[in-house]
Structure formats: structure tokens, C-alpha cells
Amino acid sequence: MGVTATGGVAGEKKALDCNFPFTRLPLSKIMFGMSHKKNPHAQALGSLGGRARAERLSNAEITKISRKGGKARAAKLTASERSRIAKLAVAARERK
């Protein structure tokens, strides 16, 4: 997409060679880093909502939710990270 200007012979339009480097980048690359900080007020409201929900849950429901988080975390770990964590757990059990 260029910009045209009148000129040349008998009023012909000739295209100006304009470079718009940002138009070739995806929007995600342009927006990256512009809003990397979270809103502290929104974080506080979310925390209050989470605490209110947790007070209404039974121990069984909390355990069920925690189990999901543990499984999701384990799925992301590499084999060496899982091994390191398991060794730390053994060492903690032996200290008791």
C-alpha cells in the first residue's frame, strides 16, 4: 500500500515508495511489553474473591482443586526437574 502523489507527465499519478516497517509486524509483536505490569487493584479484588470462595468450600472440594493444580504442574516439569523434586521430598521425609 503506497501513497500516491500527482506529478510526472500530464498529471499522471506516480506511486511514492514509502516504507511502513510496523505494518509488516504482527500486532502481538508490537503490543509486546506495552502492558506487562498487572493492575494491583485488580489483583487485590481477585484475591478477595478467591478467599471468599475458599471459605465456602469443604475440605474435599479444596483437595480436589489442589489435585488438579498438582497434576498440571507435574505435566509441565521435565524428567530432571521431577527427579530433583522427588529427592528433596525424600530428604524432607528423612528429616522428620
Protein backbone atom coordinates (compact mmCIF):
# COMPACT_ATOMS: atom_id res chain seq x y z
CA MET A 1 0.00 0.00 0.00
CA GLY A 2 1.73 3.14 -1.20
CA VAL A 3 0.96 6.80 -1.16
CA THR A 4 0.22 8.44 -4.49
CA ALA A 5 1.05 11.95 -5.49
CA THR A 6 0.29 13.89 -8.62
CA GLY A 7 3.20 14.73 -10.80
CA GLY A 8 5.01 13.46 -13.80
CA VAL A 9 3.82 13.91 -17.34
CA ALA A 10 0.31 15.34 -17.94
CA GLY A 11 -0.81 14.92 -14.32
CA GLU A 12 -0.18 11.16 -14.15
CA LYS A 13 -0.16 9.67 -10.67
CA LYS A 14 3.03 8.01 -9.66
CA ALA A 15 3.38 5.89 -6.56
CA LEU A 16 5.75 7.05 -3.91
CA ASP A 17 7.91 4.34 -2.42
CA CYS A 18 7.05 4.60 1.26
CA ASN A 19 8.23 2.07 3.76
CA PHE A 20 6.00 1.41 6.74
CA PRO A 21 8.03 -1.12 8.76
CA PHE A 22 5.45 -1.56 11.52
CA THR A 23 2.72 -2.64 9.11
CA ARG A 24 4.62 -5.85 8.42
CA LEU A 25 4.81 -6.88 12.07
CA PRO A 26 2.02 -8.82 13.74
CA LEU A 27 0.09 -6.87 16.31
CA SER A 28 1.22 -9.22 19.09
CA LYS A 29 4.85 -8.21 18.47
CA ILE A 30 4.01 -4.52 18.51
CA MET A 31 1.97 -4.81 21.71
CA PHE A 32 4.56 -6.99 23.49
CA GLY A 33 5.82 -5.29 26.61
CA MET A 34 3.44 -2.36 26.47
CA SER A 35 1.28 -3.62 29.32
CA HIS A 36 3.44 -6.15 31.13
CA LYS A 37 2.54 -4.91 34.61
CA LYS A 38 -0.60 -6.18 36.28
CA ASN A 39 -3.08 -3.80 37.80
CA PRO A 40 -2.58 -4.04 41.61
CA HIS A 41 -6.19 -3.04 42.27
CA ALA A 42 -7.47 -5.86 40.07
CA GLN A 43 -5.11 -8.28 41.81
CA ALA A 44 -6.46 -7.26 45.23
CA LEU A 45 -10.07 -7.73 44.10
CA GLY A 46 -9.27 -11.15 42.65
CA SER A 47 -7.58 -12.19 45.85
CA LEU A 48 -10.61 -11.17 47.90
CA GLY A 49 -12.89 -13.17 45.63
CA GLY A 50 -10.65 -16.22 45.88
CA ARG A 51 -10.58 -16.05 49.67
CA ALA A 52 -14.37 -15.69 49.88
CA ARG A 53 -14.81 -18.73 47.63
CA ALA A 54 -12.28 -20.78 49.61
CA GLU A 55 -14.17 -20.12 52.86
CA ARG A 56 -17.30 -21.71 51.37
CA LEU A 57 -15.56 -24.84 50.06
CA SER A 58 -15.38 -28.08 52.00
CA ASN A 59 -12.06 -29.82 52.64
CA ALA A 60 -12.88 -32.43 49.99
CA GLU A 61 -13.51 -29.73 47.36
CA ILE A 62 -10.27 -27.94 48.25
CA THR A 63 -8.37 -31.22 47.95
CA LYS A 64 -9.95 -31.89 44.55
CA ILE A 65 -8.92 -28.43 43.26
CA SER A 66 -5.40 -28.82 44.67
CA ARG A 67 -5.02 -32.18 42.98
CA LYS A 68 -5.78 -30.60 39.60
CA GLY A 69 -3.09 -27.97 40.18
CA GLY A 70 -0.54 -30.59 41.16
CA LYS A 71 -1.23 -32.65 38.06
CA ALA A 72 -0.95 -29.58 35.81
CA ARG A 73 2.36 -28.62 37.41
CA ALA A 74 3.74 -32.16 37.06
CA ALA A 75 2.79 -32.23 33.38
CA LYS A 76 4.97 -29.18 32.73
CA LEU A 77 8.06 -30.47 34.55
CA THR A 78 10.94 -32.17 32.78
CA ALA A 79 12.24 -35.54 33.95
CA SER A 80 15.28 -33.97 35.65
CA GLU A 81 13.09 -31.44 37.50
CA ARG A 82 10.76 -34.22 38.69
CA SER A 83 13.78 -36.20 39.90
CA ARG A 84 15.20 -33.20 41.77
CA ILE A 85 11.86 -32.52 43.48
CA ALA A 86 11.49 -36.20 44.42
CA LYS A 87 14.96 -36.18 46.02
CA LEU A 88 14.04 -33.08 48.02
CA ALA A 89 10.88 -34.82 49.20
CA VAL A 90 12.82 -37.90 50.34
CA ALA A 91 15.28 -35.71 52.22
CA ALA A 92 12.40 -33.86 53.93
CA ARG A 93 10.75 -37.13 54.99
CA GLU A 94 14.04 -38.40 56.39
CA ARG A 95 14.50 -35.26 58.49
CA LYS A 96 11.19 -35.90 60.31
